């Protein structure tokens, strides 16, 4: 079974989510649920993936969904500090051109 650890830090209208472990079919719902639970008055959502070992297509779908929610309400989603492996997934899938990714 895959594991994902999520920690959140809030500062005014900014929410930072620290994802550690793996985002795959068995954990992507957890990431979506944890992120969406606190978005009501958030305009700046940051997902820190510096300790993420793996992301699957289901994890990518969660990021796209969060990006759509944030842009739909005039906010922004930023994915920060991807590991080499996660950055490669973003590059190969074209997500580097769609999401705001800060290395």
PDB file of N, CA and C in Angstrom:
ATOM      1  N   UNK A   1       0.833  -1.193   0.000  1.00  0.00           N
ATOM      2  CA  UNK A   1       0.000   0.000   0.000  1.00  0.00           C
ATOM      3  C   UNK A   1       0.874   1.251   0.000  1.00  0.00           C
ATOM      4  N   UNK A   2       0.494   2.212  -0.793  1.00  0.00           N
ATOM      5  CA  UNK A   2       1.257   3.451  -0.902  1.00  0.00           C
ATOM      6  C   UNK A   2       0.929   4.367   0.255  1.00  0.00           C
ATOM      7  N   UNK A   3       1.863   5.233   0.556  1.00  0.00           N
ATOM      8  CA  UNK A   3       1.638   6.167   1.646  1.00  0.00           C
ATOM      9  C   UNK A   3       1.837   7.595   1.179  1.00  0.00           C
ATOM     10  N   UNK A   4       1.011   8.468   1.737  1.00  0.00           N
ATOM     11  CA  UNK A   4       1.114   9.896   1.475  1.00  0.00           C
ATOM     12  C   UNK A   4       0.897  10.627   2.779  1.00  0.00           C
ATOM     13  N   UNK A   5       1.804  11.518   3.090  1.00  0.00           N
ATOM     14  CA  UNK A   5       1.685  12.356   4.274  1.00  0.00           C
ATOM     15  C   UNK A   5       1.434  13.786   3.817  1.00  0.00           C
ATOM     16  N   UNK A   6       0.437  14.418   4.408  1.00  0.00           N
ATOM     17  CA  UNK A   6       0.092  15.791   4.033  1.00  0.00           C
ATOM     18  C   UNK A   6       0.128  16.680   5.264  1.00  0.00           C
ATOM     19  N   UNK A   7       0.818  17.803   5.126  1.00  0.00           N
ATOM     20  CA  UNK A   7       0.869  18.823   6.169  1.00  0.00           C
ATOM     21  C   UNK A   7       0.428  20.125   5.531  1.00  0.00           C
ATOM     22  N   UNK A   8      -0.321  20.931   6.289  1.00  0.00           N
ATOM     23  CA  UNK A   8      -0.803  22.199   5.750  1.00  0.00           C
ATOM     24  C   UNK A   8      -0.330  23.358   6.606  1.00  0.00           C
ATOM     25  N   UNK A   9      -0.066  24.467   5.941  1.00  0.00           N
ATOM     26  CA  UNK A   9       0.323  25.698   6.628  1.00  0.00           C
ATOM     27  C   UNK A   9      -0.455  26.837   5.992  1.00  0.00           C
ATOM     28  N   UNK A  10      -1.145  27.606   6.810  1.00  0.00           N
ATOM     29  CA  UNK A  10      -1.954  28.704   6.283  1.00  0.00           C
ATOM     30  C   UNK A  10      -1.435  30.048   6.781  1.00  0.00           C
ATOM     31  N   UNK A  11      -1.339  30.991   5.844  1.00  0.00           N
ATOM     32  CA  UNK A  11      -0.972  32.371   6.167  1.00  0.00           C
ATOM     33  C   UNK A  11      -1.916  33.276   5.402  1.00  0.00           C
ATOM     34  N   UNK A  12      -2.863  33.876   6.104  1.00  0.00           N
ATOM     35  CA  UNK A  12      -3.876  34.734   5.496  1.00  0.00           C
ATOM     36  C   UNK A  12      -4.604  33.994   4.373  1.00  0.00           C
ATOM     37  N   UNK A  13      -4.514  34.479   3.126  1.00  0.00           N
ATOM     38  CA  UNK A  13      -5.207  33.837   1.999  1.00  0.00           C
ATOM     39  C   UNK A  13      -4.331  32.826   1.272  1.00  0.00           C
ATOM     40  N   UNK A  14      -3.176  32.488   1.851  1.00  0.00           N
ATOM     41  CA  UNK A  14      -2.273  31.521   1.224  1.00  0.00           C
ATOM     42  C   UNK A  14      -2.292  30.215   2.013  1.00  0.00           C
ATOM     43  N   UNK A  15      -2.461  29.113   1.275  1.00  0.00           N
ATOM     44  CA  UNK A  15      -2.404  27.777   1.867  1.00  0.00           C
ATOM     45  C   UNK A  15      -1.276  27.018   1.196  1.00  0.00           C
ATOM     46  N   UNK A  16      -0.354  26.501   2.013  1.00  0.00           N
ATOM     47  CA  UNK A  16       0.719  25.661   1.501  1.00  0.00           C
ATOM     48  C   UNK A  16       0.463  24.235   1.969  1.00  0.00           C
ATOM     49  N   UNK A  17       0.496  23.324   1.012  1.00  0.00           N
ATOM     50  CA  UNK A  17       0.325  21.901   1.307  1.00  0.00           C
ATOM     51  C   UNK A  17       1.641  21.209   1.006  1.00  0.00           C
ATOM     52  N   UNK A  18       2.153  20.516   2.005  1.00  0.00           N
ATOM     53  CA  UNK A  18       3.390  19.762   1.854  1.00  0.00           C
ATOM     54  C   UNK A  18       3.002  18.301   1.650  1.00  0.00           C
ATOM     55  N   UNK A  19       3.315  17.761   0.473  1.00  0.00           N
ATOM     56  CA  UNK A  19       2.994  16.371   0.147  1.00  0.00           C
ATOM     57  C   UNK A  19       4.274  15.546   0.196  1.00  0.00           C
ATOM     58  N   UNK A  20       4.239  14.482   0.979  1.00  0.00           N
ATOM     59  CA  UNK A  20       5.421  13.644   1.142  1.00  0.00           C
ATOM     60  C   UNK A  20       5.051  12.187   0.894  1.00  0.00           C
ATOM     61  N   UNK A  21       5.847  11.514   0.084  1.00  0.00           N
ATOM     62  CA  UNK A  21       5.595  10.105  -0.213  1.00  0.00           C
ATOM     63  C   UNK A  21       5.222   9.906  -1.669  1.00  0.00           C
ATOM     64  N   UNK A  22       4.018   9.321  -1.886  1.00  0.00           N
ATOM     65  CA  UNK A  22       3.563   8.998  -3.236  1.00  0.00           C
ATOM     66  C   UNK A  22       2.132   9.473  -3.446  1.00  0.00           C
ATOM     67  N   UNK A  23       1.892  10.060  -4.615  1.00  0.00           N
ATOM     68  CA  UNK A  23       0.519  10.378  -5.011  1.00  0.00           C
ATOM     69  C   UNK A  23       0.200   9.451  -6.179  1.00  0.00           C
ATOM     70  N   UNK A  24      -0.646   8.472  -5.902  1.00  0.00           N
ATOM     71  CA  UNK A  24      -1.027   7.505  -6.916  1.00  0.00           C
ATOM     72  C   UNK A  24      -2.516   7.196  -6.769  1.00  0.00           C
ATOM     73  N   UNK A  25      -2.962   6.148  -7.403  1.00  0.00           N
ATOM     74  CA  UNK A  25      -4.383   5.808  -7.384  1.00  0.00           C
ATOM     75  C   UNK A  25      -4.925   5.657  -5.971  1.00  0.00           C
ATOM     76  N   UNK A  26      -4.138   5.099  -5.073  1.00  0.00           N
ATOM     77  CA  UNK A  26      -4.639   4.863  -3.721  1.00  0.00           C
ATOM     78  C   UNK A  26      -4.545   6.078  -2.805  1.00  0.00           C
ATOM     79  N   UNK A  27      -3.798   7.118  -3.193  1.00  0.00           N
ATOM     80  CA  UNK A  27      -3.633   8.280  -2.310  1.00  0.00           C
ATOM     81  C   UNK A  27      -4.110   9.599  -2.913  1.00  0.00           C
ATOM     82  N   UNK A  28      -4.413   9.621  -4.199  1.00  0.00           N
ATOM     83  CA  UNK A  28      -4.778  10.891  -4.837  1.00  0.00           C
ATOM     84  C   UNK A  28      -6.061  11.482  -4.255  1.00  0.00           C
ATOM     85  N   UNK A  29      -7.005  10.630  -3.853  1.00  0.00           N
ATOM     86  CA  UNK A  29      -8.235  11.136  -3.239  1.00  0.00           C
ATOM     87  C   UNK A  29      -7.946  11.870  -1.931  1.00  0.00           C
ATOM     88  N   UNK A  30      -6.967  11.394  -1.190  1.00  0.00           N
ATOM     89  CA  UNK A  30      -6.575  12.047   0.062  1.00  0.00           C
ATOM     90  C   UNK A  30      -6.037  13.453  -0.217  1.00  0.00           C
ATOM     91  N   UNK A  31      -5.179  13.581  -1.220  1.00  0.00           N
ATOM     92  CA  UNK A  31      -4.638  14.896  -1.577  1.00  0.00           C
ATOM     93  C   UNK A  31      -5.767  15.831  -1.996  1.00  0.00           C
ATOM     94  N   UNK A  32      -6.663  15.356  -2.835  1.00  0.00           N
ATOM     95  CA  UNK A  32      -7.781  16.177  -3.292  1.00  0.00           C
ATOM     96  C   UNK A  32      -8.652  16.618  -2.121  1.00  0.00           C
ATOM     97  N   UNK A  33      -8.990  15.680  -1.261  1.00  0.00           N
ATOM     98  CA  UNK A  33      -9.852  15.970  -0.115  1.00  0.00           C
ATOM     99  C   UNK A  33      -9.206  16.985   0.827  1.00  0.00           C
ATOM    100  N   UNK A  34      -7.941  16.768   1.150  1.00  0.00           N
ATOM    101  CA  UNK A  34      -7.233  17.663   2.071  1.00  0.00           C
ATOM    102  C   UNK A  34      -7.090  19.072   1.491  1.00  0.00           C
ATOM    103  N   UNK A  35      -6.812  19.168   0.213  1.00  0.00           N
ATOM    104  CA  UNK A  35      -6.647  20.481  -0.417  1.00  0.00           C
ATOM    105  C   UNK A  35      -7.979  21.208  -0.531  1.00  0.00           C
ATOM    106  N   UNK A  36      -8.998  20.523  -1.010  1.00  0.00           N
ATOM    107  CA  UNK A  36     -10.295  21.164  -1.245  1.00  0.00           C
ATOM    108  C   UNK A  36     -11.002  21.552   0.045  1.00  0.00           C
ATOM    109  N   UNK A  37     -10.646  20.926   1.155  1.00  0.00           N
ATOM    110  CA  UNK A  37     -11.301  21.205   2.440  1.00  0.00           C
ATOM    111  C   UNK A  37     -11.082  22.640   2.919  1.00  0.00           C
ATOM    112  N   UNK A  38     -10.004  23.274   2.481  1.00  0.00           N
ATOM    113  CA  UNK A  38      -9.649  24.596   3.017  1.00  0.00           C
ATOM    114  C   UNK A  38      -9.568  25.693   1.963  1.00  0.00           C
ATOM    115  N   UNK A  39     -10.209  25.530   0.828  1.00  0.00           N
ATOM    116  CA  UNK A  39     -10.035  26.488  -0.271  1.00  0.00           C
ATOM    117  C   UNK A  39     -11.012  27.662  -0.265  1.00  0.00           C
ATOM    118  N   UNK A  40     -11.985  27.678   0.621  1.00  0.00           N
ATOM    119  CA  UNK A  40     -13.039  28.691   0.561  1.00  0.00           C
ATOM    120  C   UNK A  40     -12.519  30.119   0.398  1.00  0.00           C
ATOM    121  N   UNK A  41     -11.639  30.562   1.260  1.00  0.00           N
ATOM    122  CA  UNK A  41     -11.143  31.939   1.166  1.00  0.00           C
ATOM    123  C   UNK A  41      -9.655  31.998   0.821  1.00  0.00           C
ATOM    124  N   UNK A  42      -9.188  30.983   0.133  1.00  0.00           N
ATOM    125  CA  UNK A  42      -7.781  30.920  -0.293  1.00  0.00           C
ATOM    126  C   UNK A  42      -7.656  31.450  -1.723  1.00  0.00           C
ATOM    127  N   UNK A  43      -6.710  32.357  -1.936  1.00  0.00           N
ATOM    128  CA  UNK A  43      -6.450  32.863  -3.284  1.00  0.00           C
ATOM    129  C   UNK A  43      -5.093  32.384  -3.818  1.00  0.00           C
ATOM    130  N   UNK A  44      -4.261  31.863  -2.923  1.00  0.00           N
ATOM    131  CA  UNK A  44      -2.920  31.418  -3.302  1.00  0.00           C
ATOM    132  C   UNK A  44      -2.703  30.026  -2.718  1.00  0.00           C
ATOM    133  N   UNK A  45      -2.747  29.016  -3.578  1.00  0.00           N
ATOM    134  CA  UNK A  45      -2.533  27.634  -3.154  1.00  0.00           C
ATOM    135  C   UNK A  45      -1.176  27.182  -3.652  1.00  0.00           C
ATOM    136  N   UNK A  46      -0.358  26.725  -2.720  1.00  0.00           N
ATOM    137  CA  UNK A  46       0.977  26.245  -3.061  1.00  0.00           C
ATOM    138  C   UNK A  46       1.070  24.777  -2.647  1.00  0.00           C
ATOM    139  N   UNK A  47       1.509  23.946  -3.579  1.00  0.00           N
ATOM    140  CA  UNK A  47       1.732  22.528  -3.282  1.00  0.00           C
ATOM    141  C   UNK A  47       3.239  22.293  -3.305  1.00  0.00           C
ATOM    142  N   UNK A  48       3.806  21.987  -2.144  1.00  0.00           N
ATOM    143  CA  UNK A  48       5.235  21.734  -2.034  1.00  0.00           C
ATOM    144  C   UNK A  48       5.465  20.237  -2.207  1.00  0.00           C
ATOM    145  N   UNK A  49       6.216  19.879  -3.240  1.00  0.00           N
ATOM    146  CA  UNK A  49       6.437  18.465  -3.565  1.00  0.00           C
ATOM    147  C   UNK A  49       7.909  18.058  -3.440  1.00  0.00           C
ATOM    148  N   UNK A  50       8.665  18.791  -2.615  1.00  0.00           N
ATOM    149  CA  UNK A  50      10.090  18.484  -2.493  1.00  0.00           C
ATOM    150  C   UNK A  50      10.352  17.116  -1.861  1.00  0.00           C
ATOM    151  N   UNK A  51       9.372  16.554  -1.165  1.00  0.00           N
ATOM    152  CA  UNK A  51       9.522  15.226  -0.567  1.00  0.00           C
ATOM    153  C   UNK A  51       8.597  14.196  -1.199  1.00  0.00           C
ATOM    154  N   UNK A  52       8.144  14.506  -2.412  1.00  0.00           N
ATOM    155  CA  UNK A  52       7.285  13.579  -3.138  1.00  0.00           C
ATOM    156  C   UNK A  52       8.161  12.670  -3.992  1.00  0.00           C
ATOM    157  N   UNK A  53       8.004  11.376  -3.796  1.00  0.00           N
ATOM    158  CA  UNK A  53       8.833  10.401  -4.524  1.00  0.00           C
ATOM    159  C   UNK A  53       8.225  10.010  -5.858  1.00  0.00           C
ATOM    160  N   UNK A  54       6.888  10.124  -5.975  1.00  0.00           N
ATOM    161  CA  UNK A  54       6.220   9.613  -7.174  1.00  0.00           C
ATOM    162  C   UNK A  54       4.876  10.308  -7.342  1.00  0.00           C
ATOM    163  N   UNK A  55       4.491  10.561  -8.586  1.00  0.00           N
ATOM    164  CA  UNK A  55       3.157  11.058  -8.891  1.00  0.00           C
ATOM    165  C   UNK A  55       2.657  10.324 -10.134  1.00  0.00           C
ATOM    166  N   UNK A  56       1.440   9.810 -10.053  1.00  0.00           N
ATOM    167  CA  UNK A  56       0.845   9.082 -11.176  1.00  0.00           C
ATOM    168  C   UNK A  56      -0.141   9.987 -11.903  1.00  0.00           C
ATOM    169  N   UNK A  57      -0.773   9.431 -12.929  1.00  0.00           N
ATOM    170  CA  UNK A  57      -1.762  10.208 -13.681  1.00  0.00           C
ATOM    171  C   UNK A  57      -2.925  10.637 -12.798  1.00  0.00           C
ATOM    172  N   UNK A  58      -3.277   9.841 -11.801  1.00  0.00           N
ATOM    173  CA  UNK A  58      -4.365  10.251 -10.903  1.00  0.00           C
ATOM    174  C   UNK A  58      -3.933  11.454 -10.060  1.00  0.00           C
ATOM    175  N   UNK A  59      -2.670  11.520  -9.694  1.00  0.00           N
ATOM    176  CA  UNK A  59      -2.150  12.684  -8.985  1.00  0.00           C
ATOM    177  C   UNK A  59      -2.124  13.918  -9.869  1.00  0.00           C
ATOM    178  N   UNK A  60      -1.772  13.722 -11.135  1.00  0.00           N
ATOM    179  CA  UNK A  60      -1.776  14.830 -12.086  1.00  0.00           C
ATOM    180  C   UNK A  60      -3.195  15.380 -12.272  1.00  0.00           C
ATOM    181  N   UNK A  61      -4.174  14.482 -12.290  1.00  0.00           N
ATOM    182  CA  UNK A  61      -5.579  14.917 -12.405  1.00  0.00           C
ATOM    183  C   UNK A  61      -5.985  15.787 -11.220  1.00  0.00           C
ATOM    184  N   UNK A  62      -5.517  15.432 -10.034  1.00  0.00           N
ATOM    185  CA  UNK A  62      -5.824  16.230  -8.841  1.00  0.00           C
ATOM    186  C   UNK A  62      -5.239  17.636  -8.997  1.00  0.00           C
ATOM    187  N   UNK A  63      -3.996  17.717  -9.454  1.00  0.00           N
ATOM    188  CA  UNK A  63      -3.369  19.028  -9.645  1.00  0.00           C
ATOM    189  C   UNK A  63      -4.127  19.854 -10.680  1.00  0.00           C
ATOM    190  N   UNK A  64      -4.555  19.219 -11.773  1.00  0.00           N
ATOM    191  CA  UNK A  64      -5.323  19.946 -12.792  1.00  0.00           C
ATOM    192  C   UNK A  64      -6.657  20.431 -12.226  1.00  0.00           C
ATOM    193  N   UNK A  65      -7.301  19.602 -11.438  1.00  0.00           N
ATOM    194  CA  UNK A  65      -8.566  19.967 -10.816  1.00  0.00           C
ATOM    195  C   UNK A  65      -8.379  21.155  -9.864  1.00  0.00           C
ATOM    196  N   UNK A  66      -7.332  21.112  -9.067  1.00  0.00           N
ATOM    197  CA  UNK A  66      -7.049  22.219  -8.145  1.00  0.00           C
ATOM    198  C   UNK A  66      -6.714  23.494  -8.911  1.00  0.00           C
ATOM    199  N   UNK A  67      -5.974  23.346 -10.010  1.00  0.00           N
ATOM    200  CA  UNK A  67      -5.637  24.501 -10.831  1.00  0.00           C
ATOM    201  C   UNK A  67      -6.901  25.137 -11.409  1.00  0.00           C
ATOM    202  N   UNK A  68      -7.825  24.303 -11.866  1.00  0.00           N
ATOM    203  CA  UNK A  68      -9.085  24.799 -12.426  1.00  0.00           C
ATOM    204  C   UNK A  68      -9.909  25.520 -11.359  1.00  0.00           C
ATOM    205  N   UNK A  69      -9.966  24.956 -10.168  1.00  0.00           N
ATOM    206  CA  UNK A  69     -10.699  25.595  -9.070  1.00  0.00           C
ATOM    207  C   UNK A  69     -10.091  26.957  -8.755  1.00  0.00           C
ATOM    208  N   UNK A  70      -8.777  26.999  -8.624  1.00  0.00           N
ATOM    209  CA  UNK A  70      -8.111  28.248  -8.232  1.00  0.00           C
ATOM    210  C   UNK A  70      -8.239  29.322  -9.309  1.00  0.00           C
ATOM    211  N   UNK A  71      -8.009  28.980 -10.564  1.00  0.00           N
ATOM    212  CA  UNK A  71      -8.121  29.988 -11.622  1.00  0.00           C
ATOM    213  C   UNK A  71      -9.573  30.419 -11.796  1.00  0.00           C
ATOM    214  N   UNK A  72     -10.507  29.509 -11.572  1.00  0.00           N
ATOM    215  CA  UNK A  72     -11.925  29.837 -11.683  1.00  0.00           C
ATOM    216  C   UNK A  72     -12.380  30.867 -10.676  1.00  0.00           C
ATOM    217  N   UNK A  73     -11.680  30.942  -9.547  1.00  0.00           N
ATOM    218  CA  UNK A  73     -12.047  31.935  -8.532  1.00  0.00           C
ATOM    219  C   UNK A  73     -11.049  33.093  -8.465  1.00  0.00           C
ATOM    220  N   UNK A  74     -10.235  33.208  -9.515  1.00  0.00           N
ATOM    221  CA  UNK A  74      -9.296  34.327  -9.599  1.00  0.00           C
ATOM    222  C   UNK A  74      -8.043  34.140  -8.766  1.00  0.00           C
ATOM    223  N   UNK A  75      -7.792  32.926  -8.329  1.00  0.00           N
ATOM    224  CA  UNK A  75      -6.604  32.641  -7.532  1.00  0.00           C
ATOM    225  C   UNK A  75      -5.547  31.962  -8.372  1.00  0.00           C
ATOM    226  N   UNK A  76      -4.559  31.398  -7.682  1.00  0.00           N
ATOM    227  CA  UNK A  76      -3.492  30.713  -8.421  1.00  0.00           C
ATOM    228  C   UNK A  76      -3.017  29.488  -7.658  1.00  0.00           C
ATOM    229  N   UNK A  77      -2.541  28.516  -8.427  1.00  0.00           N
ATOM    230  CA  UNK A  77      -1.916  27.314  -7.888  1.00  0.00           C
ATOM    231  C   UNK A  77      -0.460  27.320  -8.326  1.00  0.00           C
ATOM    232  N   UNK A  78       0.429  27.077  -7.371  1.00  0.00           N
ATOM    233  CA  UNK A  78       1.844  26.957  -7.679  1.00  0.00           C
ATOM    234  C   UNK A  78       2.345  25.640  -7.106  1.00  0.00           C
ATOM    235  N   UNK A  79       3.055  24.878  -7.924  1.00  0.00           N
ATOM    236  CA  UNK A  79       3.686  23.637  -7.477  1.00  0.00           C
ATOM    237  C   UNK A  79       5.166  23.960  -7.308  1.00  0.00           C
ATOM    238  N   UNK A  80       5.695  23.744  -6.099  1.00  0.00           N
ATOM    239  CA  UNK A  80       7.076  24.155  -5.826  1.00  0.00           C
ATOM    240  C   UNK A  80       7.969  22.982  -5.467  1.00  0.00           C
ATOM    241  N   UNK A  81       9.230  23.133  -5.835  1.00  0.00           N
ATOM    242  CA  UNK A  81      10.331  22.237  -5.495  1.00  0.00           C
ATOM    243  C   UNK A  81      10.116  20.778  -5.890  1.00  0.00           C
ATOM    244  N   UNK A  82       9.751  20.516  -7.155  1.00  0.00           N
ATOM    245  CA  UNK A  82       9.589  19.110  -7.539  1.00  0.00           C
ATOM    246  C   UNK A  82      10.925  18.373  -7.515  1.00  0.00           C
ATOM    247  N   UNK A  83      10.883  17.133  -7.085  1.00  0.00           N
ATOM    248  CA  UNK A  83      12.074  16.298  -7.146  1.00  0.00           C
ATOM    249  C   UNK A  83      12.389  16.046  -8.620  1.00  0.00           C
ATOM    250  N   UNK A  84      13.559  15.518  -8.887  1.00  0.00           N
ATOM    251  CA  UNK A  84      13.948  15.259 -10.270  1.00  0.00           C
ATOM    252  C   UNK A  84      12.941  14.340 -10.962  1.00  0.00           C
ATOM    253  N   UNK A  85      12.528  13.287 -10.270  1.00  0.00           N
ATOM    254  CA  UNK A  85      11.597  12.334 -10.866  1.00  0.00           C
ATOM    255  C   UNK A  85      10.237  12.979 -11.141  1.00  0.00           C
ATOM    256  N   UNK A  86       9.735  13.744 -10.192  1.00  0.00           N
ATOM    257  CA  UNK A  86       8.434  14.405 -10.370  1.00  0.00           C
ATOM    258  C   UNK A  86       8.531  15.457 -11.469  1.00  0.00           C
ATOM    259  N   UNK A  87       9.629  16.194 -11.523  1.00  0.00           N
ATOM    260  CA  UNK A  87       9.827  17.192 -12.576  1.00  0.00           C
ATOM    261  C   UNK A  87       9.835  16.528 -13.950  1.00  0.00           C
ATOM    262  N   UNK A  88      10.429  15.352 -14.046  1.00  0.00           N
ATOM    263  CA  UNK A  88      10.444  14.621 -15.318  1.00  0.00           C
ATOM    264  C   UNK A  88       9.034  14.224 -15.737  1.00  0.00           C
ATOM    265  N   UNK A  89       8.215  13.803 -14.785  1.00  0.00           N
ATOM    266  CA  UNK A  89       6.822  13.458 -15.090  1.00  0.00           C
ATOM    267  C   UNK A  89       6.094  14.697 -15.611  1.00  0.00           C
ATOM    268  N   UNK A  90       6.295  15.837 -14.957  1.00  0.00           N
ATOM    269  CA  UNK A  90       5.672  17.088 -15.415  1.00  0.00           C
ATOM    270  C   UNK A  90       6.125  17.431 -16.838  1.00  0.00           C
ATOM    271  N   UNK A  91       7.412  17.253 -17.119  1.00  0.00           N
ATOM    272  CA  UNK A  91       7.947  17.576 -18.445  1.00  0.00           C
ATOM    273  C   UNK A  91       7.406  16.635 -19.516  1.00  0.00           C
ATOM    274  N   UNK A  92       7.452  15.326 -19.253  1.00  0.00           N
ATOM    275  CA  UNK A  92       7.025  14.328 -20.232  1.00  0.00           C
ATOM    276  C   UNK A  92       5.538  14.455 -20.555  1.00  0.00           C
ATOM    277  N   UNK A  93       4.733  14.777 -19.552  1.00  0.00           N
ATOM    278  CA  UNK A  93       3.286  14.861 -19.747  1.00  0.00           C
ATOM    279  C   UNK A  93       2.832  16.225 -20.265  1.00  0.00           C
ATOM    280  N   UNK A  94       3.747  17.194 -20.290  1.00  0.00           N
ATOM    281  CA  UNK A  94       3.376  18.538 -20.735  1.00  0.00           C
ATOM    282  C   UNK A  94       2.812  19.408 -19.625  1.00  0.00           C
ATOM    283  N   UNK A  95       2.749  18.898 -18.417  1.00  0.00           N
ATOM    284  CA  UNK A  95       2.208  19.678 -17.300  1.00  0.00           C
ATOM    285  C   UNK A  95       3.088  20.874 -16.966  1.00  0.00           C
ATOM    286  N   UNK A  96       4.365  20.809 -17.342  1.00  0.00           N
ATOM    287  CA  UNK A  96       5.268  21.942 -17.120  1.00  0.00           C
ATOM    288  C   UNK A  96       4.795  23.176 -17.884  1.00  0.00           C
ATOM    289  N   UNK A  97       4.067  22.945 -18.989  1.00  0.00           N
ATOM    290  CA  UNK A  97       3.559  24.053 -19.799  1.00  0.00           C
ATOM    291  C   UNK A  97       2.189  24.537 -19.337  1.00  0.00           C
ATOM    292  N   UNK A  98       1.535  23.761 -18.482  1.00  0.00           N
ATOM    293  CA  UNK A  98       0.172  24.079 -18.062  1.00  0.00           C
ATOM    294  C   UNK A  98       0.136  24.628 -16.639  1.00  0.00           C
ATOM    295  N   UNK A  99       0.902  24.013 -15.742  1.00  0.00           N
ATOM    296  CA  UNK A  99       0.911  24.424 -14.351  1.00  0.00           C
ATOM    297  C   UNK A  99       2.047  25.414 -14.081  1.00  0.00           C
ATOM    298  N   UNK A 100       1.849  26.225 -13.054  1.00  0.00           N
ATOM    299  CA  UNK A 100       2.908  27.113 -12.599  1.00  0.00           C
ATOM    300  C   UNK A 100       3.804  26.298 -11.673  1.00  0.00           C
ATOM    301  N   UNK A 101       4.998  25.932 -12.160  1.00  0.00           N
ATOM    302  CA  UNK A 101       5.918  25.097 -11.411  1.00  0.00           C
ATOM    303  C   UNK A 101       7.184  25.885 -11.133  1.00  0.00           C
ATOM    304  N   UNK A 102       7.550  25.972  -9.850  1.00  0.00           N
ATOM    305  CA  UNK A 102       8.748  26.691  -9.453  1.00  0.00           C
ATOM    306  C   UNK A 102       9.740  25.689  -8.898  1.00  0.00           C
ATOM    307  N   UNK A 103      10.884  25.589  -9.583  1.00  0.00           N
ATOM    308  CA  UNK A 103      11.909  24.611  -9.169  1.00  0.00           C
ATOM    309  C   UNK A 103      12.831  25.238  -8.222  1.00  0.00           C
TER     310      UNK A 103
END
